[in-house]
Amino acid sequence: MASGASVLRNFSPDQRFWAFGQTIQTILHFSPKENAYASLDYYTEGKYNNHFTASAKSPATSPQELEYIATGRLSYRQISLGWKHYFKGSYIEPTDFSVYGLAGFGFLFAKVRNFVPADTVLYNVIPTFGESKVRKLTFDLGLGAEQSLGGNFFVFVDSRIWLPASSHTSPYLSNQKNVPLTFILSAGIRVLFGTFY
């Protein structure tokens, strides 16, 4: 089992933000270098602002176009399943540090909220005002290192990225392109409970 604190930077167009969170991993060791993992990540809400122009729904509405700033808030929750391979060392390396790579698929559960300061009865606005949930599949890639603290305790640091693996769209997103597109930096403790090979 492993648990750590994380910092997330979202680089999706028009939806860039920072968030803080936690990652929890369960790791099954098939050999000293080959492991399967299941992880859960959850993050605080990120905030971003974008400029838009609303068009009037009726020719009688004045003005016909209205510029506004929409405030969006997006929070990520993700379950990931994948493979962990040690390039240097192993999961049970007692003295030297180890280096590993991660590759997997994720199931992203995002919550998006939009605040639009325009009358939605009179104007067509983008993105859609209100709150919704967005679900996406992701490719997950990462690289990390860990060091034994003695006994069954290890400290780790890793960096990961989430890339979109599905094309599901939502009118609540300010931009549909590259959601998610994240860089994550995590650090924490891994505790070894036993060996299975």
N, C-alpha and C. Protein backbone atom coordinates (compact mmCIF):
# COMPACT_ATOMS: atom_id res chain seq x y z
N MET A 1 0.85 -1.18 0.00
CA MET A 1 0.00 0.00 0.00
C MET A 1 0.89 1.24 0.00
N ALA A 2 0.42 2.27 -0.70
CA ALA A 2 1.16 3.53 -0.75
C ALA A 2 0.16 4.68 -0.67
N SER A 3 0.58 5.76 -0.06
CA SER A 3 -0.25 6.95 0.03
C SER A 3 0.64 8.17 0.00
N GLY A 4 0.20 9.20 -0.72
CA GLY A 4 1.01 10.41 -0.80
C GLY A 4 0.19 11.64 -1.09
N ALA A 5 0.83 12.79 -0.90
CA ALA A 5 0.24 14.08 -1.23
C ALA A 5 0.62 14.45 -2.66
N SER A 6 -0.29 15.11 -3.37
CA SER A 6 -0.06 15.42 -4.78
C SER A 6 -0.38 16.87 -5.10
N VAL A 7 0.35 17.38 -6.10
CA VAL A 7 0.05 18.69 -6.70
C VAL A 7 -0.27 18.43 -8.16
N LEU A 8 -1.38 18.96 -8.64
CA LEU A 8 -1.81 18.74 -10.01
C LEU A 8 -1.86 20.07 -10.76
N ARG A 9 -1.33 20.07 -11.98
CA ARG A 9 -1.46 21.22 -12.88
C ARG A 9 -2.21 20.76 -14.12
N ASN A 10 -3.35 21.38 -14.38
CA ASN A 10 -4.14 21.04 -15.56
C ASN A 10 -3.78 22.00 -16.68
N PHE A 11 -3.40 21.45 -17.85
CA PHE A 11 -2.99 22.25 -19.00
C PHE A 11 -4.03 22.25 -20.11
N SER A 12 -5.24 21.76 -19.86
CA SER A 12 -6.28 21.77 -20.89
C SER A 12 -6.55 23.20 -21.34
N PRO A 13 -6.69 23.43 -22.65
CA PRO A 13 -6.94 24.79 -23.14
C PRO A 13 -8.15 25.43 -22.47
N ASP A 14 -7.99 26.68 -22.06
CA ASP A 14 -9.03 27.48 -21.40
C ASP A 14 -9.48 26.93 -20.05
N GLN A 15 -8.78 25.92 -19.55
CA GLN A 15 -9.14 25.33 -18.25
C GLN A 15 -7.87 25.00 -17.47
N ARG A 16 -6.96 25.96 -17.40
CA ARG A 16 -5.71 25.75 -16.69
C ARG A 16 -5.88 26.11 -15.22
N PHE A 17 -5.44 25.23 -14.35
CA PHE A 17 -5.55 25.49 -12.92
C PHE A 17 -4.59 24.59 -12.15
N TRP A 18 -4.39 24.96 -10.88
CA TRP A 18 -3.64 24.15 -9.91
C TRP A 18 -4.63 23.51 -8.95
N ALA A 19 -4.28 22.32 -8.46
CA ALA A 19 -5.10 21.66 -7.44
C ALA A 19 -4.20 20.80 -6.57
N PHE A 20 -4.67 20.54 -5.37
CA PHE A 20 -3.92 19.71 -4.42
C PHE A 20 -4.78 18.49 -4.07
N GLY A 21 -4.10 17.37 -3.80
CA GLY A 21 -4.89 16.18 -3.52
C GLY A 21 -4.09 15.07 -2.89
N GLN A 22 -4.64 13.88 -2.99
CA GLN A 22 -4.02 12.69 -2.40
C GLN A 22 -4.13 11.54 -3.37
N THR A 23 -3.11 10.69 -3.37
CA THR A 23 -3.13 9.47 -4.15
C THR A 23 -2.98 8.28 -3.21
N ILE A 24 -3.77 7.25 -3.44
CA ILE A 24 -3.72 6.01 -2.65
C ILE A 24 -3.54 4.86 -3.62
N GLN A 25 -2.55 4.00 -3.37
CA GLN A 25 -2.26 2.89 -4.28
C GLN A 25 -2.23 1.56 -3.55
N THR A 26 -2.75 0.55 -4.23
CA THR A 26 -2.56 -0.84 -3.82
C THR A 26 -1.71 -1.49 -4.90
N ILE A 27 -0.63 -2.14 -4.49
CA ILE A 27 0.33 -2.70 -5.45
C ILE A 27 0.48 -4.19 -5.20
N LEU A 28 0.40 -4.96 -6.27
CA LEU A 28 0.58 -6.41 -6.19
C LEU A 28 1.90 -6.76 -6.87
N HIS A 29 2.83 -7.36 -6.13
CA HIS A 29 4.17 -7.66 -6.63
C HIS A 29 4.22 -9.07 -7.22
N PHE A 30 4.39 -9.18 -8.54
CA PHE A 30 4.52 -10.48 -9.20
C PHE A 30 5.95 -10.97 -9.19
N SER A 31 6.90 -10.04 -9.20
CA SER A 31 8.33 -10.34 -9.13
C SER A 31 9.00 -9.09 -8.58
N PRO A 32 10.30 -9.14 -8.28
CA PRO A 32 10.95 -7.93 -7.75
C PRO A 32 10.81 -6.70 -8.64
N LYS A 33 10.67 -6.90 -9.98
CA LYS A 33 10.61 -5.75 -10.89
C LYS A 33 9.25 -5.52 -11.53
N GLU A 34 8.37 -6.51 -11.49
CA GLU A 34 7.07 -6.40 -12.18
C GLU A 34 5.93 -6.37 -11.17
N ASN A 35 5.09 -5.33 -11.29
CA ASN A 35 4.01 -5.11 -10.33
C ASN A 35 2.77 -4.58 -11.03
N ALA A 36 1.61 -4.93 -10.52
CA ALA A 36 0.35 -4.33 -10.98
C ALA A 36 -0.12 -3.37 -9.88
N TYR A 37 -0.81 -2.30 -10.30
CA TYR A 37 -1.29 -1.34 -9.30
C TYR A 37 -2.73 -0.93 -9.60
N ALA A 38 -3.39 -0.51 -8.55
CA ALA A 38 -4.70 0.14 -8.63
C ALA A 38 -4.59 1.39 -7.77
N SER A 39 -4.97 2.54 -8.31
CA SER A 39 -4.82 3.78 -7.55
C SER A 39 -6.10 4.60 -7.57
N LEU A 40 -6.25 5.40 -6.54
CA LEU A 40 -7.35 6.35 -6.41
C LEU A 40 -6.74 7.71 -6.16
N ASP A 41 -7.13 8.69 -6.96
CA ASP A 41 -6.67 10.08 -6.80
C ASP A 41 -7.87 10.99 -6.66
N TYR A 42 -7.76 11.97 -5.77
CA TYR A 42 -8.80 12.97 -5.67
C TYR A 42 -8.16 14.32 -5.35
N TYR A 43 -8.75 15.39 -5.91
CA TYR A 43 -8.13 16.72 -5.86
C TYR A 43 -9.13 17.80 -5.49
N THR A 44 -8.58 18.90 -5.00
CA THR A 44 -9.40 20.07 -4.69
C THR A 44 -9.92 20.68 -5.99
N GLU A 45 -10.84 21.58 -5.86
CA GLU A 45 -11.46 22.23 -7.01
C GLU A 45 -10.51 23.27 -7.60
N GLY A 46 -10.33 23.21 -8.92
CA GLY A 46 -9.53 24.23 -9.62
C GLY A 46 -10.43 25.29 -10.21
N LYS A 47 -9.92 26.52 -10.30
CA LYS A 47 -10.73 27.65 -10.76
C LYS A 47 -10.05 28.32 -11.96
N TYR A 48 -10.85 28.74 -12.95
CA TYR A 48 -10.33 29.41 -14.13
C TYR A 48 -11.39 30.37 -14.67
N ASN A 49 -10.95 31.40 -15.41
CA ASN A 49 -11.84 32.40 -16.00
C ASN A 49 -11.58 32.48 -17.50
N ASN A 50 -12.64 32.72 -18.27
CA ASN A 50 -12.52 32.87 -19.71
C ASN A 50 -13.47 33.95 -20.22
N HIS A 51 -13.03 34.63 -21.29
CA HIS A 51 -13.85 35.66 -21.93
C HIS A 51 -14.67 35.03 -23.06
N PHE A 52 -15.96 35.37 -23.10
CA PHE A 52 -16.85 34.86 -24.14
C PHE A 52 -17.74 35.99 -24.63
N THR A 53 -18.39 35.76 -25.77
CA THR A 53 -19.38 36.69 -26.31
C THR A 53 -20.69 35.94 -26.46
N ALA A 54 -21.73 36.44 -25.82
CA ALA A 54 -23.06 35.82 -25.90
C ALA A 54 -23.85 36.49 -27.02
N SER A 55 -24.59 35.67 -27.76
CA SER A 55 -25.45 36.21 -28.82
C SER A 55 -26.90 36.18 -28.36
N ALA A 56 -27.64 37.18 -28.75
CA ALA A 56 -29.05 37.30 -28.35
C ALA A 56 -29.89 36.23 -29.01
N LYS A 57 -30.86 35.69 -28.27
CA LYS A 57 -31.76 34.68 -28.81
C LYS A 57 -32.85 35.30 -29.70
N SER A 58 -33.17 36.58 -29.44
CA SER A 58 -34.22 37.26 -30.19
C SER A 58 -33.66 38.49 -30.88
N PRO A 59 -34.12 38.82 -32.10
CA PRO A 59 -33.68 40.04 -32.78
C PRO A 59 -34.09 41.31 -32.03
N ALA A 60 -35.07 41.18 -31.13
CA ALA A 60 -35.56 42.35 -30.40
C ALA A 60 -34.69 42.68 -29.18
N THR A 61 -33.80 41.77 -28.82
CA THR A 61 -32.96 41.99 -27.64
C THR A 61 -31.83 42.95 -27.98
N SER A 62 -31.58 43.88 -27.09
CA SER A 62 -30.50 44.84 -27.25
C SER A 62 -29.63 44.85 -25.99
N PRO A 63 -28.31 44.72 -26.13
CA PRO A 63 -27.56 44.59 -27.38
C PRO A 63 -27.65 43.16 -27.93
N GLN A 64 -27.32 42.99 -29.19
CA GLN A 64 -27.37 41.68 -29.83
C GLN A 64 -26.21 40.79 -29.39
N GLU A 65 -25.11 41.38 -28.98
CA GLU A 65 -23.96 40.64 -28.47
C GLU A 65 -23.53 41.22 -27.13
N LEU A 66 -23.11 40.34 -26.24
CA LEU A 66 -22.74 40.75 -24.89
C LEU A 66 -21.46 40.02 -24.48
N GLU A 67 -20.42 40.79 -24.18
CA GLU A 67 -19.16 40.18 -23.73
C GLU A 67 -19.22 39.95 -22.22
N TYR A 68 -18.68 38.81 -21.78
CA TYR A 68 -18.73 38.47 -20.36
C TYR A 68 -17.55 37.56 -20.01
N ILE A 69 -17.30 37.44 -18.71
CA ILE A 69 -16.28 36.54 -18.19
C ILE A 69 -16.98 35.42 -17.45
N ALA A 70 -16.76 34.19 -17.89
CA ALA A 70 -17.34 33.02 -17.23
C ALA A 70 -16.31 32.44 -16.28
N THR A 71 -16.74 32.13 -15.06
CA THR A 71 -15.88 31.48 -14.07
C THR A 71 -16.22 30.01 -14.03
N GLY A 72 -15.21 29.17 -14.23
CA GLY A 72 -15.41 27.73 -14.18
C GLY A 72 -14.66 27.11 -13.03
N ARG A 73 -15.19 26.03 -12.52
CA ARG A 73 -14.55 25.27 -11.45
C ARG A 73 -14.62 23.79 -11.81
N LEU A 74 -13.47 23.13 -11.68
CA LEU A 74 -13.36 21.74 -12.12
C LEU A 74 -12.61 20.96 -11.06
N SER A 75 -13.15 19.81 -10.67
CA SER A 75 -12.46 18.94 -9.70
C SER A 75 -12.37 17.54 -10.28
N TYR A 76 -11.22 16.90 -10.05
CA TYR A 76 -10.94 15.59 -10.61
C TYR A 76 -10.92 14.52 -9.53
N ARG A 77 -11.53 13.37 -9.88
CA ARG A 77 -11.40 12.12 -9.12
C ARG A 77 -11.07 11.06 -10.15
N GLN A 78 -10.12 10.17 -9.84
CA GLN A 78 -9.74 9.18 -10.84
C GLN A 78 -9.38 7.84 -10.21
N ILE A 79 -9.81 6.77 -10.89
CA ILE A 79 -9.39 5.41 -10.55
C ILE A 79 -8.52 4.93 -11.70
N SER A 80 -7.35 4.39 -11.40
CA SER A 80 -6.42 3.96 -12.43
C SER A 80 -5.96 2.53 -12.17
N LEU A 81 -5.84 1.75 -13.24
CA LEU A 81 -5.33 0.39 -13.17
C LEU A 81 -4.16 0.28 -14.15
N GLY A 82 -3.03 -0.30 -13.69
CA GLY A 82 -1.90 -0.36 -14.60
C GLY A 82 -0.76 -1.22 -14.13
N TRP A 83 0.39 -1.00 -14.75
CA TRP A 83 1.59 -1.80 -14.52
C TRP A 83 2.71 -0.90 -14.02
N LYS A 84 3.48 -1.41 -13.08
CA LYS A 84 4.63 -0.70 -12.50
C LYS A 84 5.87 -1.56 -12.73
N HIS A 85 6.86 -1.00 -13.43
CA HIS A 85 8.09 -1.73 -13.73
C HIS A 85 9.29 -0.99 -13.16
N TYR A 86 10.15 -1.72 -12.45
CA TYR A 86 11.36 -1.13 -11.88
C TYR A 86 12.49 -1.22 -12.90
N PHE A 87 12.99 -0.07 -13.34
CA PHE A 87 14.14 -0.01 -14.25
C PHE A 87 15.44 -0.20 -13.49
N LYS A 88 15.46 0.26 -12.25
CA LYS A 88 16.63 0.15 -11.38
C LYS A 88 16.14 -0.29 -10.01
N GLY A 89 16.80 -1.27 -9.42
CA GLY A 89 16.39 -1.75 -8.12
C GLY A 89 15.14 -2.61 -8.22
N SER A 90 14.39 -2.66 -7.11
CA SER A 90 13.16 -3.46 -7.06
C SER A 90 12.27 -2.92 -5.95
N TYR A 91 11.08 -3.52 -5.83
CA TYR A 91 10.15 -3.04 -4.81
C TYR A 91 10.64 -3.32 -3.40
N ILE A 92 11.65 -4.18 -3.26
CA ILE A 92 12.14 -4.56 -1.94
C ILE A 92 13.61 -4.19 -1.75
N GLU A 93 14.12 -3.26 -2.59
CA GLU A 93 15.52 -2.83 -2.51
C GLU A 93 15.83 -2.28 -1.11
N PRO A 94 16.77 -2.91 -0.37
CA PRO A 94 16.98 -2.52 1.02
C PRO A 94 17.92 -1.33 1.25
N THR A 95 18.79 -1.02 0.28
CA THR A 95 19.80 0.02 0.53
C THR A 95 19.77 1.14 -0.50
N ASP A 96 19.97 0.82 -1.77
CA ASP A 96 20.05 1.85 -2.82
C ASP A 96 18.65 2.30 -3.22
N PHE A 97 18.57 3.43 -3.93
CA PHE A 97 17.26 3.90 -4.39
C PHE A 97 16.85 3.14 -5.65
N SER A 98 15.56 3.09 -5.92
CA SER A 98 15.00 2.40 -7.08
C SER A 98 14.30 3.40 -7.99
N VAL A 99 14.26 3.09 -9.28
CA VAL A 99 13.59 3.92 -10.28
C VAL A 99 12.56 3.06 -10.99
N TYR A 100 11.34 3.57 -11.16
CA TYR A 100 10.27 2.80 -11.77
C TYR A 100 9.45 3.63 -12.76
N GLY A 101 8.76 2.92 -13.63
CA GLY A 101 7.83 3.55 -14.57
C GLY A 101 6.44 3.02 -14.34
N LEU A 102 5.45 3.82 -14.68
CA LEU A 102 4.03 3.47 -14.54
C LEU A 102 3.33 3.64 -15.88
N ALA A 103 2.44 2.72 -16.20
CA ALA A 103 1.61 2.84 -17.41
C ALA A 103 0.27 2.18 -17.14
N GLY A 104 -0.81 2.87 -17.46
CA GLY A 104 -2.12 2.29 -17.19
C GLY A 104 -3.25 3.06 -17.85
N PHE A 105 -4.46 2.64 -17.53
CA PHE A 105 -5.68 3.30 -17.99
C PHE A 105 -6.44 3.81 -16.77
N GLY A 106 -7.05 4.97 -16.94
CA GLY A 106 -7.79 5.56 -15.84
C GLY A 106 -9.25 5.82 -16.20
N PHE A 107 -10.05 5.95 -15.16
CA PHE A 107 -11.46 6.32 -15.27
C PHE A 107 -11.62 7.63 -14.51
N LEU A 108 -11.76 8.73 -15.24
CA LEU A 108 -11.83 10.06 -14.65
C LEU A 108 -13.27 10.46 -14.40
N PHE A 109 -13.53 10.92 -13.18
CA PHE A 109 -14.84 11.44 -12.79
C PHE A 109 -14.62 12.91 -12.42
N ALA A 110 -15.06 13.79 -13.30
CA ALA A 110 -14.85 15.22 -13.08
C ALA A 110 -16.17 15.90 -12.75
N LYS A 111 -16.09 16.89 -11.88
CA LYS A 111 -17.26 17.71 -11.56
C LYS A 111 -16.96 19.12 -12.02
N VAL A 112 -17.83 19.68 -12.85
CA VAL A 112 -17.60 21.01 -13.40
C VAL A 112 -18.76 21.93 -13.01
N ARG A 113 -18.41 23.16 -12.64
CA ARG A 113 -19.40 24.18 -12.30
C ARG A 113 -19.07 25.45 -13.05
N ASN A 114 -20.08 26.11 -13.60
CA ASN A 114 -19.89 27.36 -14.33
C ASN A 114 -20.78 28.46 -13.78
N PHE A 115 -20.20 29.64 -13.68
CA PHE A 115 -20.94 30.83 -13.26
C PHE A 115 -20.86 31.83 -14.41
N VAL A 116 -22.01 32.13 -15.01
CA VAL A 116 -22.06 32.99 -16.19
C VAL A 116 -22.86 34.24 -15.86
N PRO A 117 -22.24 35.44 -15.88
CA PRO A 117 -22.96 36.67 -15.52
C PRO A 117 -23.73 37.26 -16.70
N ALA A 118 -24.53 36.42 -17.34
CA ALA A 118 -25.37 36.88 -18.44
C ALA A 118 -26.74 36.22 -18.30
N ASP A 119 -27.75 36.90 -18.77
CA ASP A 119 -29.12 36.38 -18.68
C ASP A 119 -29.29 35.25 -19.69
N THR A 120 -29.36 34.02 -19.19
CA THR A 120 -29.45 32.85 -20.07
C THR A 120 -30.83 32.72 -20.73
N VAL A 121 -31.80 33.50 -20.28
CA VAL A 121 -33.11 33.52 -20.93
C VAL A 121 -33.03 34.32 -22.23
N LEU A 122 -32.22 35.39 -22.22
CA LEU A 122 -32.12 36.28 -23.39
C LEU A 122 -30.95 35.95 -24.31
N TYR A 123 -29.92 35.29 -23.76
CA TYR A 123 -28.69 35.10 -24.54
C TYR A 123 -28.27 33.63 -24.59
N ASN A 124 -27.65 33.26 -25.71
CA ASN A 124 -27.00 31.96 -25.84
C ASN A 124 -25.61 32.08 -25.24
N VAL A 125 -25.33 31.30 -24.21
CA VAL A 125 -24.05 31.43 -23.52
C VAL A 125 -23.24 30.15 -23.66
N ILE A 126 -21.92 30.33 -23.63
CA ILE A 126 -20.95 29.24 -23.63
C ILE A 126 -19.96 29.54 -22.51
N PRO A 127 -19.63 28.59 -21.67
CA PRO A 127 -20.19 27.24 -21.56
C PRO A 127 -21.56 27.27 -20.89
N THR A 128 -22.22 26.13 -20.83
CA THR A 128 -23.53 26.04 -20.21
C THR A 128 -23.45 26.41 -18.74
N PHE A 129 -24.38 27.23 -18.30
CA PHE A 129 -24.44 27.65 -16.90
C PHE A 129 -24.91 26.49 -16.04
N GLY A 130 -24.29 26.34 -14.85
CA GLY A 130 -24.74 25.32 -13.91
C GLY A 130 -23.66 24.33 -13.55
N GLU A 131 -24.09 23.13 -13.21
CA GLU A 131 -23.19 22.11 -12.67
C GLU A 131 -23.46 20.78 -13.36
N SER A 132 -22.39 20.02 -13.61
CA SER A 132 -22.55 18.73 -14.26
C SER A 132 -21.37 17.82 -13.92
N LYS A 133 -21.48 16.56 -14.31
CA LYS A 133 -20.40 15.60 -14.14
C LYS A 133 -19.92 15.16 -15.52
N VAL A 134 -18.61 14.99 -15.65
CA VAL A 134 -17.99 14.57 -16.90
C VAL A 134 -17.18 13.32 -16.61
N ARG A 135 -17.35 12.30 -17.44
CA ARG A 135 -16.60 11.05 -17.28
C ARG A 135 -15.76 10.82 -18.51
N LYS A 136 -14.50 10.45 -18.28
CA LYS A 136 -13.57 10.23 -19.39
C LYS A 136 -12.66 9.04 -19.09
N LEU A 137 -12.18 8.40 -20.16
CA LEU A 137 -11.11 7.42 -20.04
C LEU A 137 -9.79 8.12 -20.28
N THR A 138 -8.74 7.68 -19.60
CA THR A 138 -7.44 8.32 -19.72
C THR A 138 -6.33 7.30 -19.92
N PHE A 139 -5.25 7.76 -20.57
CA PHE A 139 -3.98 7.06 -20.56
C PHE A 139 -3.16 7.66 -19.43
N ASP A 140 -2.54 6.82 -18.60
CA ASP A 140 -1.76 7.30 -17.46
C ASP A 140 -0.32 6.83 -17.61
N LEU A 141 0.61 7.77 -17.55
CA LEU A 141 2.04 7.45 -17.65
C LEU A 141 2.77 8.14 -16.51
N GLY A 142 3.82 7.49 -15.99
CA GLY A 142 4.55 8.09 -14.88
C GLY A 142 5.96 7.55 -14.73
N LEU A 143 6.76 8.29 -13.98
CA LEU A 143 8.13 7.91 -13.68
C LEU A 143 8.40 8.31 -12.23
N GLY A 144 9.03 7.41 -11.47
CA GLY A 144 9.25 7.72 -10.06
C GLY A 144 10.49 7.07 -9.49
N ALA A 145 10.78 7.42 -8.25
CA ALA A 145 11.92 6.86 -7.52
C ALA A 145 11.50 6.66 -6.07
N GLU A 146 12.12 5.67 -5.44
CA GLU A 146 11.84 5.43 -4.03
C GLU A 146 13.09 4.96 -3.30
N GLN A 147 13.07 5.14 -2.00
CA GLN A 147 14.20 4.81 -1.15
C GLN A 147 13.69 4.14 0.12
N SER A 148 14.40 3.11 0.55
CA SER A 148 14.01 2.40 1.77
C SER A 148 14.28 3.28 2.99
N LEU A 149 13.34 3.26 3.93
CA LEU A 149 13.52 3.94 5.21
C LEU A 149 13.90 2.93 6.29
N GLY A 150 14.01 1.67 5.89
CA GLY A 150 14.27 0.60 6.84
C GLY A 150 13.04 -0.24 7.06
N GLY A 151 13.24 -1.53 7.22
CA GLY A 151 12.10 -2.43 7.42
C GLY A 151 11.22 -2.47 6.20
N ASN A 152 9.92 -2.36 6.40
CA ASN A 152 8.96 -2.42 5.30
C ASN A 152 8.48 -1.05 4.83
N PHE A 153 9.23 0.00 5.14
CA PHE A 153 8.80 1.37 4.80
C PHE A 153 9.71 1.97 3.73
N PHE A 154 9.07 2.59 2.73
CA PHE A 154 9.78 3.22 1.63
C PHE A 154 9.18 4.60 1.38
N VAL A 155 10.01 5.55 1.02
CA VAL A 155 9.52 6.87 0.64
C VAL A 155 9.62 6.96 -0.88
N PHE A 156 8.60 7.57 -1.52
CA PHE A 156 8.61 7.67 -2.98
C PHE A 156 8.30 9.10 -3.44
N VAL A 157 8.77 9.41 -4.64
CA VAL A 157 8.44 10.64 -5.35
C VAL A 157 8.18 10.23 -6.79
N ASP A 158 7.06 10.65 -7.36
CA ASP A 158 6.84 10.34 -8.77
C ASP A 158 6.11 11.47 -9.49
N SER A 159 6.26 11.48 -10.80
CA SER A 159 5.55 12.43 -11.65
C SER A 159 4.71 11.62 -12.63
N ARG A 160 3.50 12.10 -12.88
CA ARG A 160 2.58 11.37 -13.75
C ARG A 160 1.86 12.34 -14.67
N ILE A 161 1.37 11.83 -15.78
CA ILE A 161 0.52 12.61 -16.67
C ILE A 161 -0.73 11.80 -16.98
N TRP A 162 -1.84 12.54 -17.16
CA TRP A 162 -3.08 11.94 -17.64
C TRP A 162 -3.36 12.53 -19.01
N LEU A 163 -3.62 11.65 -19.99
CA LEU A 163 -3.95 12.07 -21.34
C LEU A 163 -5.33 11.52 -21.69
N PRO A 164 -6.13 12.24 -22.47
CA PRO A 164 -7.48 11.75 -22.80
C PRO A 164 -7.42 10.51 -23.68
N ALA A 165 -8.23 9.51 -23.35
CA ALA A 165 -8.33 8.28 -24.13
C ALA A 165 -9.73 8.10 -24.71
N SER A 166 -10.63 9.04 -24.43
CA SER A 166 -11.98 8.99 -25.00
C SER A 166 -12.35 10.40 -25.46
N SER A 167 -13.32 10.49 -26.35
CA SER A 167 -13.68 11.78 -26.95
C SER A 167 -15.01 12.32 -26.44
N HIS A 168 -15.45 11.85 -25.29
CA HIS A 168 -16.72 12.33 -24.72
C HIS A 168 -16.67 13.85 -24.52
N THR A 169 -17.70 14.54 -24.95
CA THR A 169 -17.75 16.00 -24.81
C THR A 169 -18.85 16.40 -23.83
N SER A 170 -18.77 17.65 -23.38
CA SER A 170 -19.78 18.19 -22.47
C SER A 170 -19.92 19.68 -22.72
N PRO A 171 -21.16 20.19 -22.83
CA PRO A 171 -21.36 21.64 -23.02
C PRO A 171 -20.94 22.45 -21.80
N TYR A 172 -20.64 21.78 -20.70
CA TYR A 172 -20.22 22.49 -19.48
C TYR A 172 -18.72 22.79 -19.48
N LEU A 173 -17.96 22.17 -20.38
CA LEU A 173 -16.53 22.44 -20.48
C LEU A 173 -16.30 23.68 -21.34
N SER A 174 -15.38 24.53 -20.92
CA SER A 174 -15.08 25.75 -21.68
C SER A 174 -14.44 25.43 -23.02
N ASN A 175 -13.68 24.33 -23.07
CA ASN A 175 -13.03 23.89 -24.29
C ASN A 175 -13.00 22.36 -24.26
N GLN A 176 -13.36 21.72 -25.35
CA GLN A 176 -13.44 20.26 -25.38
C GLN A 176 -12.09 19.59 -25.63
N LYS A 177 -11.11 20.36 -26.06
CA LYS A 177 -9.83 19.79 -26.49
C LYS A 177 -8.95 19.41 -25.30
N ASN A 178 -8.39 18.19 -25.37
CA ASN A 178 -7.40 17.72 -24.38
C ASN A 178 -7.88 17.82 -22.93
N VAL A 179 -8.99 17.22 -22.64
CA VAL A 179 -9.49 17.13 -21.26
C VAL A 179 -9.49 15.67 -20.85
N PRO A 180 -8.68 15.27 -19.88
CA PRO A 180 -7.72 16.09 -19.13
C PRO A 180 -6.35 16.11 -19.82
N LEU A 181 -5.55 17.07 -19.45
CA LEU A 181 -4.15 17.15 -19.85
C LEU A 181 -3.40 17.64 -18.61
N THR A 182 -2.99 16.71 -17.77
CA THR A 182 -2.48 17.06 -16.44
C THR A 182 -1.06 16.59 -16.22
N PHE A 183 -0.36 17.33 -15.36
CA PHE A 183 0.93 16.92 -14.82
C PHE A 183 0.77 16.84 -13.31
N ILE A 184 1.18 15.72 -12.73
CA ILE A 184 1.00 15.49 -11.29
C ILE A 184 2.34 15.14 -10.66
N LEU A 185 2.62 15.76 -9.54
CA LEU A 185 3.81 15.45 -8.75
C LEU A 185 3.35 14.96 -7.38
N SER A 186 3.80 13.76 -7.01
CA SER A 186 3.37 13.14 -5.74
C SER A 186 4.56 12.71 -4.92
N ALA A 187 4.38 12.71 -3.61
CA ALA A 187 5.40 12.21 -2.68
C ALA A 187 4.69 11.57 -1.51
N GLY A 188 5.24 10.44 -1.02
CA GLY A 188 4.57 9.78 0.09
C GLY A 188 5.32 8.56 0.58
N ILE A 189 4.59 7.68 1.23
CA ILE A 189 5.15 6.50 1.89
C ILE A 189 4.51 5.24 1.30
N ARG A 190 5.34 4.22 1.05
CA ARG A 190 4.84 2.91 0.66
C ARG A 190 5.18 1.93 1.77
N VAL A 191 4.20 1.12 2.15
CA VAL A 191 4.38 0.13 3.22
C VAL A 191 4.22 -1.25 2.62
N LEU A 192 5.21 -2.10 2.82
CA LEU A 192 5.22 -3.46 2.30
C LEU A 192 4.63 -4.41 3.33
N PHE A 193 3.56 -5.14 2.93
CA PHE A 193 2.90 -6.06 3.84
C PHE A 193 3.31 -7.51 3.64
N GLY A 194 3.90 -7.85 2.49
CA GLY A 194 4.28 -9.24 2.29
C GLY A 194 4.76 -9.46 0.89
N THR A 195 5.26 -10.67 0.60
CA THR A 195 5.69 -11.01 -0.75
C THR A 195 4.81 -12.13 -1.27
N PHE A 196 4.64 -12.14 -2.61
CA PHE A 196 3.72 -13.08 -3.23
C PHE A 196 4.35 -13.81 -4.41
N TYR A 197 5.64 -14.05 -4.37
CA TYR A 197 6.28 -14.77 -5.49
C TYR A 197 7.22 -15.83 -4.95
